[in-house]
Amino acid sequence: MHNAGRIEEAEVLCRTLEQIRPKNGQLLFLLGMVLHKTHQDQEAVKWLSRAAEFQAGSARIFNGLGCAYQGLEQHTRAAAAFERAIELEPQSPYAYYNLGKSCYRLEQVDRAAALFRRAAQISPRDFASWNNLGKCLKELNHLDDSIEAYDRALEIKPDYALAHYGRAISLLAAGRLSDGFQEYEWRRHSMTPRKFPQPLWNGEQAPEKTLFIHAEQGFGDAIQMARFVKAARRRVTRVILECRPELRTLFEYSKCADTIIPYGAPIPSFDFFLPMLSLPRALGIAAIPNEPPYLSAPVHEPLPPGRGRLKAGLAWAGNPKHPQDAARSIRLQDLSPILRAPNVAFYSLQQTIPARDKSCLESLSDVLNATLVFKDFLETASVIAHLDLVITVDTAVAHLAGALGKPVWLLVQHSPDWRWFPSRHDTSWYPTMILFRQEKRNEWNLPITRIASALHRFAAGPSIPLADIPLTHGLAAAA
C-alpha cells in the first residue's frame, strides 16, 4: 500500500501491526516513513528512533531518521543521523546526498559540495546530486566548475528545469550573458506563466505593432531591466510596460515606455508580449550597454539638515522573503563604523525597519535621520537626487540609485547575485557604483571597515573626488 501510494491505509495497517509486533524494527521504520511522507515528522522521529534502537545496524533506518529531522528543519540532528548511515553503509549515495542537503542548510557549503560530489561519484547517473553540486560550486564562486556540474546533470536529464535555471545563473555570473540569458528562459518552468493569445516577441522588427512587456520578479529586477525598454521601442511602434504599482510613477516620469500600467490594471490592445526579464534575450544582448542614467526624478523640498556637509543615504536590509536575504542584509548595529564617520549626515532609505533594528535605530536618532516615508519609488528617487552618496546592501535601492546615476557604494555578500559578477569592484550595469565585497561568507567586518575608511577620506574635504577613493585591498582601517 505504501508503494502504491495508498499512504493513509498503509498507516492504519502499520499501527495495527505495531500492536502485535512492537519491537519489529522494519515495521517501525515503515511506520516512520509513512508518517514522514504525510509531513507528520515529529511523530515520524519517535517511531524511527525506536526502530534504530531495535536495529542499530540499519543504515536505511538512520537515513530515514535524518529525513524526518530535515522535515523538522533540525539539520544538526539530521546530519548526525546521516553520518551514522554513512558509517554503516559507506557506499550509500542517498546518505551522502541527504547529508549534503543538511550541511548546505547549515551553511557548510564547502562540505556540502564534497558530499554531493561523492554521491555523484558513487551514482554517476544521479542528476540531482550533479545539480546540487552545481549550486554549491556557484556559491563558492567556482563558476566554471559549477557550469560543468550542471552540464553533467543535463546530459542525464535534458529537460531538468532546475539544472537549466541554475546553469543560467552561473553563466550570467561568469559574464557569459548571451548564453546565460538564453538559458534563463527556463525560469518560467518554475512559475505559472502568463498566457496571452498574442505571440511572444523575439526581438524582430515590427513596425506599426505594439509590444506589451509584462511585470515579473522584484523591484530591483524591474529597475535593472528598464534600461532595455528603449532598445525595444526602436524595433516596434509602441510599447506598453506593466510594472508593480509602486514603480509606475517613476517609470512614467522617466518616460520609459509609451504607456505604463500597474500590474492588475486592464491591458490595452497589443500585438506581441514579452516578460520583462526576457528583454536581454530577445534583444540579443551579449554585453552590457554603457548608458547614461536612464531614470530621472524631480527634486522636491530640500532634505532636513543633518550634522555634516556630505549627505549619504543608507539601506541595510532587503525583503525578508527573499531566499538570500539572510546573506545580503546586515544588522544596523554592525554599521556603526560607518555611522561614526565625521561630517556626514545620514538619511535612511529603509522603508521596512527589521524588528531587530528598531531599538538600535531609536538610539541613533541624533545620527540617522529616519523620518522619511515614501509612498512609491518616485518619492524615493527624488530624495536620492538630493544625496551625495548612497550606501546600501543588495536591494532595490542599489538599482534605483545606480539607474539615477548617483554614486553608490554596495555591500556585496561573498556569493553574490549573478549581476554583480565575482571579484570585480565595479560593474558595467551601473558605472557610478562601487562594490565592497565580503571575502568570507557571513563576514561583513572587512567591507564595512573599508567603506568607513573611504567615507572618512571622502568626507574630509571637497578636494578628494568620490571616484578617487581606493577600493581594493589595502584600504586603511577607519580612524
Protein backbone atom coordinates (compact mmCIF):
# COMPACT_ATOMS: atom_id res chain seq x y z
CA MET A 1 0.00 0.00 0.00
CA HIS A 2 2.86 2.38 0.76
CA ASN A 3 4.49 1.64 -2.57
CA ALA A 4 1.17 2.02 -4.37
CA GLY A 5 0.65 5.47 -2.88
CA ARG A 6 -2.19 4.40 -0.56
CA ILE A 7 -0.49 6.14 2.36
CA GLU A 8 -3.41 6.53 4.77
CA GLU A 9 -4.30 2.86 4.50
CA ALA A 10 -0.63 1.92 4.97
CA GLU A 11 -0.53 3.98 8.18
CA VAL A 12 -3.60 2.25 9.58
CA LEU A 13 -2.15 -1.19 8.87
CA CYS A 14 1.25 -0.24 10.33
CA ARG A 15 -0.35 0.94 13.55
CA THR A 16 -2.39 -2.27 13.78
CA LEU A 17 0.68 -4.43 13.20
CA GLU A 18 2.72 -2.40 15.71
CA GLN A 19 0.30 -3.52 18.41
CA ILE A 20 1.11 -7.12 17.51
CA ARG A 21 4.87 -6.75 16.99
CA PRO A 22 6.00 -3.61 18.87
CA LYS A 23 9.70 -4.47 18.57
CA ASN A 24 9.87 -5.14 14.84
CA GLY A 25 12.42 -2.59 13.61
CA GLN A 26 11.43 -2.82 9.94
CA LEU A 27 7.75 -2.30 10.79
CA LEU A 28 8.59 0.72 12.94
CA PHE A 29 10.77 2.03 10.13
CA LEU A 30 7.91 1.70 7.65
CA LEU A 31 5.51 3.47 10.01
CA GLY A 32 8.03 6.28 10.47
CA MET A 33 8.48 6.70 6.71
CA VAL A 34 4.71 6.71 6.14
CA LEU A 35 4.41 9.49 8.70
CA HIS A 36 7.30 11.36 7.10
CA LYS A 37 5.62 11.17 3.73
CA THR A 38 2.48 12.75 5.21
CA HIS A 39 4.58 15.51 6.89
CA GLN A 40 3.98 14.17 10.40
CA ASP A 41 7.69 14.42 11.10
CA GLN A 42 7.53 14.94 14.84
CA GLU A 43 5.84 11.57 15.26
CA ALA A 44 7.97 10.06 12.49
CA VAL A 45 11.09 10.83 14.54
CA LYS A 46 9.61 8.97 17.51
CA TRP A 47 8.98 5.76 15.55
CA LEU A 48 12.22 5.93 13.56
CA SER A 49 14.21 6.44 16.76
CA ARG A 50 12.56 3.35 18.22
CA ALA A 51 13.34 1.43 15.03
CA ALA A 52 17.00 2.45 15.39
CA GLU A 53 17.04 1.11 18.95
CA PHE A 54 15.96 -2.32 17.75
CA GLN A 55 18.08 -2.33 14.57
CA ALA A 56 21.09 -0.17 15.35
CA GLY A 57 22.98 -1.56 12.36
CA SER A 58 20.47 -0.45 9.71
CA ALA A 59 21.76 2.39 7.52
CA ARG A 60 18.32 2.67 5.93
CA ILE A 61 16.68 3.44 9.29
CA PHE A 62 19.22 6.18 10.12
CA ASN A 63 18.81 7.65 6.66
CA GLY A 64 15.04 7.76 7.21
CA LEU A 65 15.53 9.33 10.64
CA GLY A 66 17.70 12.02 9.09
CA CYS A 67 14.99 12.76 6.51
CA ALA A 68 12.41 13.19 9.29
CA TYR A 69 14.73 15.60 11.11
CA GLN A 70 15.13 17.51 7.84
CA GLY A 71 11.36 17.79 7.67
CA LEU A 72 11.51 19.45 11.10
CA GLU A 73 14.35 21.77 9.95
CA GLN A 74 16.56 20.19 12.64
CA HIS A 75 19.59 19.91 10.40
CA THR A 76 22.23 19.33 13.06
CA ARG A 77 20.35 16.21 14.24
CA ALA A 78 19.67 15.23 10.64
CA ALA A 79 23.38 15.44 9.84
CA ALA A 80 24.24 13.19 12.80
CA ALA A 81 21.76 10.56 11.59
CA PHE A 82 23.13 10.66 8.02
CA GLU A 83 26.70 10.42 9.31
CA ARG A 84 25.72 7.26 11.16
CA ALA A 85 24.11 5.90 7.99
CA ILE A 86 27.37 6.51 6.10
CA GLU A 87 29.35 4.72 8.82
CA LEU A 88 27.06 1.70 8.40
CA GLU A 89 26.95 1.84 4.59
CA PRO A 90 29.90 3.84 3.18
CA GLN A 91 28.76 3.39 -0.43
CA SER A 92 25.25 4.75 0.01
CA PRO A 93 24.76 7.69 -2.42
CA TYR A 94 21.48 8.59 -0.69
CA ALA A 95 23.16 9.16 2.66
CA TYR A 96 25.85 11.38 1.11
CA TYR A 97 23.20 13.29 -0.83
CA ASN A 98 20.99 13.82 2.20
CA LEU A 99 23.92 14.78 4.42
CA GLY A 100 24.90 17.30 1.74
CA LYS A 101 21.44 18.86 1.90
CA SER A 102 21.66 19.31 5.67
CA CYS A 103 25.20 20.68 5.51
CA TYR A 104 24.06 23.18 2.90
CA ARG A 105 21.26 24.33 5.19
CA LEU A 106 23.81 24.63 8.00
CA GLU A 107 25.83 26.90 5.66
CA GLN A 108 28.66 24.37 5.45
CA VAL A 109 28.79 24.85 1.69
CA ASP A 110 32.32 23.51 1.17
CA ARG A 111 31.40 20.28 2.93
CA ALA A 112 28.06 20.06 1.12
CA ALA A 113 29.84 20.33 -2.23
CA ALA A 114 32.21 17.50 -1.29
CA LEU A 115 29.27 15.31 -0.23
CA PHE A 116 27.29 15.92 -3.41
CA ARG A 117 30.41 15.17 -5.43
CA ARG A 118 30.86 11.90 -3.52
CA ALA A 119 27.20 10.97 -4.11
CA ALA A 120 27.68 11.61 -7.83
CA GLN A 121 30.86 9.53 -7.90
CA ILE A 122 29.04 6.57 -6.36
CA SER A 123 25.96 7.07 -8.55
CA PRO A 124 27.10 8.91 -11.71
CA ARG A 125 23.57 8.97 -13.19
CA ASP A 126 22.14 10.83 -10.20
CA PHE A 127 21.23 14.13 -11.84
CA ALA A 128 20.02 15.63 -8.52
CA SER A 129 23.49 15.26 -6.99
CA TRP A 130 25.11 16.92 -10.00
CA ASN A 131 22.55 19.74 -9.81
CA ASN A 132 23.15 20.37 -6.12
CA LEU A 133 26.91 20.22 -6.68
CA GLY A 134 26.48 22.92 -9.33
CA LYS A 135 24.55 25.09 -6.89
CA CYS A 136 27.20 24.73 -4.17
CA LEU A 137 30.05 25.47 -6.55
CA LYS A 138 28.28 28.63 -7.70
CA GLU A 139 28.01 29.77 -4.08
CA LEU A 140 31.72 29.08 -3.69
CA ASN A 141 32.33 31.25 -6.78
CA HIS A 142 33.79 28.29 -8.74
CA LEU A 143 31.71 29.22 -11.77
CA ASP A 144 33.37 27.08 -14.48
CA ASP A 145 33.13 24.00 -12.25
CA SER A 146 29.53 24.88 -11.44
CA ILE A 147 28.61 25.06 -15.13
CA GLU A 148 30.34 21.72 -15.71
CA ALA A 149 28.32 20.08 -12.92
CA TYR A 150 25.08 21.44 -14.36
CA ASP A 151 26.14 20.13 -17.77
CA ARG A 152 26.53 16.65 -16.27
CA ALA A 153 23.03 16.85 -14.76
CA LEU A 154 21.58 17.89 -18.13
CA GLU A 155 23.39 15.11 -20.00
CA ILE A 156 21.43 12.69 -17.82
CA LYS A 157 18.12 14.59 -17.77
CA PRO A 158 17.98 17.12 -20.63
CA ASP A 159 14.64 18.60 -19.56
CA TYR A 160 15.68 19.16 -15.92
CA ALA A 161 14.40 22.72 -15.46
CA LEU A 162 16.10 23.26 -12.10
CA ALA A 163 19.52 22.49 -13.58
CA HIS A 164 18.86 24.70 -16.61
CA TYR A 165 17.95 27.57 -14.29
CA GLY A 166 20.99 27.03 -12.07
CA ARG A 167 23.22 26.83 -15.14
CA ALA A 168 21.76 30.13 -16.34
CA ILE A 169 22.66 31.82 -13.06
CA SER A 170 26.23 30.53 -13.22
CA LEU A 171 26.61 31.58 -16.86
CA LEU A 172 25.34 35.07 -16.08
CA ALA A 173 27.57 35.34 -13.02
CA ALA A 174 30.53 34.37 -15.22
CA GLY A 175 29.67 37.22 -17.61
CA ARG A 176 28.54 34.90 -20.41
CA LEU A 177 25.45 37.00 -20.96
CA SER A 178 24.26 35.76 -24.35
CA ASP A 179 24.27 32.09 -23.30
CA GLY A 180 23.07 32.95 -19.82
CA PHE A 181 20.00 34.91 -20.89
CA GLN A 182 19.06 32.17 -23.37
CA GLU A 183 19.21 29.59 -20.57
CA TYR A 184 17.44 31.99 -18.19
CA GLU A 185 14.20 31.37 -20.10
CA TRP A 186 13.95 28.12 -18.09
CA ARG A 187 12.95 30.21 -15.05
CA ARG A 188 9.41 30.10 -16.40
CA HIS A 189 9.23 26.35 -15.77
CA SER A 190 9.19 27.02 -12.03
CA MET A 191 6.37 29.60 -12.13
CA THR A 192 2.91 29.90 -13.58
CA PRO A 193 3.48 31.69 -16.90
CA ARG A 194 1.22 34.47 -18.08
CA LYS A 195 -0.76 33.33 -21.10
CA PHE A 196 -1.93 35.54 -23.95
CA PRO A 197 -3.37 34.73 -27.38
CA GLN A 198 -0.83 37.05 -28.99
CA PRO A 199 2.61 35.67 -29.94
CA LEU A 200 5.79 36.02 -27.90
CA TRP A 201 8.10 38.73 -29.25
CA ASN A 202 11.60 37.55 -30.15
CA GLY A 203 13.21 40.88 -30.96
CA GLU A 204 12.17 41.14 -34.59
CA GLN A 205 11.48 44.47 -36.27
CA ALA A 206 7.72 45.03 -36.08
CA PRO A 207 6.73 48.44 -37.47
CA GLU A 208 3.19 49.57 -36.75
CA LYS A 209 2.95 46.98 -33.97
CA THR A 210 2.52 47.28 -30.20
CA LEU A 211 4.60 45.30 -27.72
CA PHE A 212 3.34 44.55 -24.22
CA ILE A 213 6.15 43.97 -21.70
CA HIS A 214 4.71 42.42 -18.57
CA ALA A 215 5.94 42.58 -14.99
CA GLU A 216 7.76 39.77 -13.21
CA GLN A 217 10.02 39.30 -10.19
CA GLY A 218 11.09 42.08 -7.81
CA PHE A 219 11.51 45.84 -7.79
CA GLY A 220 15.26 45.71 -8.37
CA ASP A 221 14.87 43.38 -11.35
CA ALA A 222 12.36 45.75 -12.97
CA ILE A 223 14.56 48.80 -12.40
CA GLN A 224 17.58 46.99 -13.86
CA MET A 225 15.70 45.76 -16.93
CA ALA A 226 14.02 49.12 -17.62
CA ARG A 227 17.23 50.17 -19.43
CA PHE A 228 16.38 47.76 -22.26
CA VAL A 229 12.89 49.11 -22.98
CA LYS A 230 14.34 51.96 -25.07
CA ALA A 231 16.02 49.45 -27.39
CA ALA A 232 12.75 47.55 -27.75
CA ARG A 233 10.96 50.79 -28.65
CA ARG A 234 13.29 51.18 -31.64
CA ARG A 235 12.01 47.89 -33.09
CA VAL A 236 8.27 48.39 -32.64
CA THR A 237 5.99 51.39 -32.89
CA ARG A 238 4.58 51.36 -29.37
CA VAL A 239 5.49 49.76 -26.03
CA ILE A 240 3.14 49.13 -23.13
CA LEU A 241 5.11 48.49 -19.94
CA GLU A 242 3.46 46.80 -16.98
CA CYS A 243 5.05 47.18 -13.56
CA ARG A 244 4.23 46.87 -9.90
CA PRO A 245 2.17 49.86 -8.72
CA GLU A 246 5.00 51.32 -6.62
CA LEU A 247 7.13 51.75 -9.79
CA ARG A 248 4.52 53.29 -12.07
CA THR A 249 5.13 56.98 -11.33
CA LEU A 250 8.92 56.53 -11.55
CA PHE A 251 8.69 54.87 -14.96
CA GLU A 252 6.16 57.46 -16.16
CA TYR A 253 8.33 60.38 -15.05
CA SER A 254 11.35 58.77 -16.74
CA LYS A 255 9.35 58.19 -19.95
CA CYS A 256 10.39 54.55 -20.06
CA ALA A 257 7.60 53.48 -22.41
CA ASP A 258 4.70 54.88 -24.40
CA THR A 259 2.20 53.59 -21.85
CA ILE A 260 2.83 52.50 -18.26
CA ILE A 261 0.23 50.42 -16.46
CA PRO A 262 0.28 48.95 -12.94
CA TYR A 263 0.03 45.21 -12.52
CA GLY A 264 -3.64 44.20 -12.32
CA ALA A 265 -4.94 47.06 -14.46
CA PRO A 266 -6.73 46.42 -17.78
CA ILE A 267 -4.21 45.85 -20.57
CA PRO A 268 -4.64 47.95 -23.75
CA SER A 269 -4.64 46.23 -27.11
CA PHE A 270 -1.27 44.83 -28.23
CA ASP A 271 0.27 42.61 -30.92
CA PHE A 272 3.18 40.90 -29.12
CA PHE A 273 4.11 40.26 -25.50
CA LEU A 274 7.31 39.61 -23.57
CA PRO A 275 8.17 39.01 -19.89
CA MET A 276 10.35 41.89 -18.70
CA LEU A 277 13.36 39.75 -17.80
CA SER A 278 13.35 38.24 -21.29
CA LEU A 279 14.29 41.59 -22.82
CA PRO A 280 18.06 40.88 -22.92
CA ARG A 281 17.47 37.53 -24.63
CA ALA A 282 15.05 38.97 -27.20
CA LEU A 283 17.36 41.90 -27.95
CA GLY A 284 20.40 39.63 -28.31
CA ILE A 285 22.35 41.29 -25.51
CA ALA A 286 25.90 39.93 -25.36
CA ALA A 287 27.42 42.84 -23.42
CA ILE A 288 26.02 45.40 -21.02
CA PRO A 289 25.37 48.68 -22.84
CA ASN A 290 27.29 51.63 -21.40
CA GLU A 291 24.41 54.04 -20.99
CA PRO A 292 23.96 57.32 -19.15
CA PRO A 293 21.41 57.39 -16.31
CA TYR A 294 18.17 56.05 -17.72
CA LEU A 295 15.85 57.02 -14.86
CA SER A 296 15.17 60.50 -13.54
CA ALA A 297 13.29 62.13 -10.68
CA PRO A 298 12.08 65.59 -9.68
CA VAL A 299 13.95 67.42 -6.95
CA HIS A 300 11.40 68.34 -4.31
CA GLU A 301 11.87 70.10 -0.99
CA PRO A 302 15.41 70.02 0.47
CA LEU A 303 16.19 67.29 2.97
CA PRO A 304 16.08 68.14 6.67
CA PRO A 305 19.53 69.43 7.66
CA GLY A 306 21.93 66.89 9.10
CA ARG A 307 25.16 67.17 11.04
CA GLY A 308 27.59 67.15 8.11
CA ARG A 309 28.21 68.57 4.66
CA LEU A 310 28.13 65.15 2.99
CA LYS A 311 24.63 63.70 2.58
CA ALA A 312 24.58 59.89 2.49
CA GLY A 313 21.56 57.62 2.08
CA LEU A 314 21.58 54.29 3.86
CA ALA A 315 19.73 50.98 3.29
CA TRP A 316 20.86 47.93 5.22
CA ALA A 317 18.14 45.27 4.78
CA GLY A 318 16.19 43.84 1.89
CA ASN A 319 12.90 41.99 1.58
CA PRO A 320 12.91 39.32 4.33
CA LYS A 321 11.02 36.96 1.99
CA HIS A 322 13.91 36.91 -0.49
CA PRO A 323 15.62 33.48 -0.38
CA GLN A 324 19.07 35.10 0.02
CA ASP A 325 18.03 37.83 2.42
CA ALA A 326 19.90 36.39 5.41
CA ALA A 327 23.12 36.53 3.38
CA ARG A 328 22.67 40.02 1.96
CA SER A 329 21.05 42.00 4.81
CA ILE A 330 23.03 43.49 7.70
CA ARG A 331 22.14 44.41 11.28
CA LEU A 332 22.07 48.16 11.72
CA GLN A 333 24.37 48.00 14.73
CA ASP A 334 27.05 46.35 12.57
CA LEU A 335 27.24 49.54 10.51
CA SER A 336 28.41 51.61 13.48
CA PRO A 337 31.94 52.15 11.99
CA ILE A 338 30.26 53.81 9.01
CA LEU A 339 27.87 55.84 11.15
CA ARG A 340 30.77 57.24 13.15
CA ALA A 341 32.25 58.95 10.10
CA PRO A 342 32.59 62.70 10.78
CA ASN A 343 30.97 65.43 8.72
CA VAL A 344 28.33 63.08 7.27
CA ALA A 345 24.55 63.44 7.50
CA PHE A 346 22.86 60.04 7.12
CA TYR A 347 19.35 59.65 5.72
CA SER A 348 17.51 56.37 5.96
CA LEU A 349 16.21 54.92 2.71
CA GLN A 350 14.98 51.87 4.61
CA GLN A 351 11.22 51.53 4.29
CA THR A 352 10.65 48.47 6.46
CA ILE A 353 12.68 48.52 9.65
CA PRO A 354 13.51 44.96 10.78
CA ALA A 355 12.32 44.28 14.34
CA ARG A 356 15.89 43.50 15.39
CA ASP A 357 16.98 47.04 14.42
CA LYS A 358 14.23 49.19 15.94
CA SER A 359 15.85 49.79 19.31
CA CYS A 360 19.22 50.47 17.65
CA LEU A 361 17.58 52.96 15.30
CA GLU A 362 15.96 54.78 18.20
CA SER A 363 19.33 55.09 19.93
CA LEU A 364 20.77 56.63 16.76
CA SER A 365 18.07 59.30 16.43
CA ASP A 366 20.64 62.10 16.59
CA VAL A 367 22.81 60.48 13.95
CA LEU A 368 20.46 58.83 11.49
CA ASN A 369 17.61 60.82 10.00
CA ALA A 370 14.97 58.13 9.58
CA THR A 371 11.84 60.26 9.34
CA LEU A 372 11.29 59.79 5.60
CA VAL A 373 8.34 57.71 4.43
CA PHE A 374 7.91 57.02 0.73
CA LYS A 375 4.65 56.06 -0.94
CA ASP A 376 6.38 54.95 -4.16
CA PHE A 377 9.77 54.75 -5.85
CA LEU A 378 9.47 58.18 -7.46
CA GLU A 379 9.46 59.74 -3.99
CA THR A 380 12.45 57.61 -3.02
CA ALA A 381 14.21 58.70 -6.21
CA SER A 382 13.53 62.39 -5.53
CA VAL A 383 15.22 62.04 -2.12
CA ILE A 384 18.17 60.18 -3.64
CA ALA A 385 18.54 63.08 -6.10
CA HIS A 386 19.42 65.31 -3.11
CA LEU A 387 22.11 62.95 -1.81
CA ASP A 388 25.84 62.87 -2.49
CA LEU A 389 26.13 59.11 -1.97
CA VAL A 390 24.05 56.00 -1.31
CA ILE A 391 25.44 53.17 0.85
CA THR A 392 23.33 50.05 0.59
CA VAL A 393 23.14 46.28 0.59
CA ASP A 394 21.94 44.40 -2.49
CA THR A 395 18.36 45.58 -2.66
CA ALA A 396 16.15 47.71 -4.92
CA VAL A 397 17.69 50.93 -3.55
CA ALA A 398 21.02 49.93 -5.13
CA HIS A 399 19.44 49.56 -8.57
CA LEU A 400 17.46 52.77 -8.19
CA ALA A 401 20.46 54.88 -7.19
CA GLY A 402 22.58 53.34 -9.95
CA ALA A 403 19.89 53.93 -12.58
CA LEU A 404 19.71 57.58 -11.47
CA GLY A 405 23.48 57.93 -11.91
CA LYS A 406 24.06 58.57 -8.22
CA PRO A 407 27.31 57.36 -6.60
CA VAL A 408 26.53 54.04 -4.89
CA TRP A 409 28.66 52.00 -2.53
CA LEU A 410 27.26 48.48 -2.50
CA LEU A 411 27.92 45.92 0.24
CA VAL A 412 28.06 42.58 -1.57
CA GLN A 413 27.86 39.14 0.04
CA HIS A 414 30.52 36.50 -0.65
CA SER A 415 28.34 34.59 -3.09
CA PRO A 416 26.67 37.50 -4.84
CA ASP A 417 23.66 37.72 -7.05
CA TRP A 418 24.62 36.93 -10.65
CA ARG A 419 24.51 40.56 -11.78
CA TRP A 420 27.44 41.60 -9.60
CA PHE A 421 29.85 39.01 -11.03
CA PRO A 422 32.72 37.67 -8.87
CA SER A 423 35.75 39.65 -7.65
CA ARG A 424 35.27 42.96 -9.53
CA HIS A 425 34.94 46.21 -7.59
CA ASP A 426 32.98 47.96 -10.33
CA THR A 427 30.06 46.93 -12.51
CA SER A 428 29.09 47.75 -16.07
CA TRP A 429 25.43 47.70 -15.02
CA TYR A 430 25.92 50.96 -13.11
CA PRO A 431 29.09 52.98 -13.86
CA THR A 432 28.70 55.07 -10.68
CA MET A 433 28.62 52.01 -8.41
CA ILE A 434 31.50 50.66 -6.30
CA LEU A 435 31.32 47.15 -4.83
CA PHE A 436 32.67 46.36 -1.36
CA ARG A 437 32.75 42.57 -1.14
CA GLN A 438 32.86 40.02 1.61
CA GLU A 439 35.97 37.85 1.45
CA LYS A 440 34.43 35.19 3.70
CA ARG A 441 30.84 34.02 3.98
CA ASN A 442 28.77 35.97 6.54
CA GLU A 443 31.77 38.16 7.43
CA TRP A 444 30.89 41.83 7.00
CA ASN A 445 33.61 43.42 9.14
CA LEU A 446 36.13 43.92 6.33
CA PRO A 447 33.84 45.56 3.71
CA ILE A 448 32.23 47.73 6.41
CA THR A 449 35.67 48.84 7.60
CA ARG A 450 36.69 49.66 4.03
CA ILE A 451 33.57 51.75 3.49
CA ALA A 452 34.15 53.54 6.80
CA SER A 453 37.73 54.31 5.79
CA ALA A 454 36.69 55.54 2.35
CA LEU A 455 33.91 57.63 3.87
CA HIS A 456 36.32 59.25 6.34
CA ARG A 457 38.57 60.28 3.46
CA PHE A 458 35.77 61.47 1.20
CA ALA A 459 34.10 63.48 3.94
CA ALA A 460 37.39 65.12 4.93
CA GLY A 461 37.12 67.76 2.25
CA PRO A 462 35.98 68.63 -1.25
CA SER A 463 39.47 68.07 -2.69
CA ILE A 464 39.02 64.27 -2.72
CA PRO A 465 36.69 63.21 -5.58
CA LEU A 466 34.45 60.25 -4.92
CA ALA A 467 35.87 58.41 -7.92
CA ASP A 468 39.39 58.58 -6.47
CA ILE A 469 38.62 56.64 -3.29
CA PRO A 470 40.72 53.40 -3.33
CA LEU A 471 38.58 50.30 -3.49
CA THR A 472 40.73 47.22 -3.30
CA HIS A 473 42.84 45.52 -0.65
CA GLY A 474 44.93 47.81 1.46
CA LEU A 475 42.26 50.29 2.50
CA ALA A 476 43.34 51.52 5.88
CA ALA A 477 41.04 50.89 8.80
CA ALA A 478 38.89 53.82 9.81
CA ALA A 479 40.42 56.04 12.43
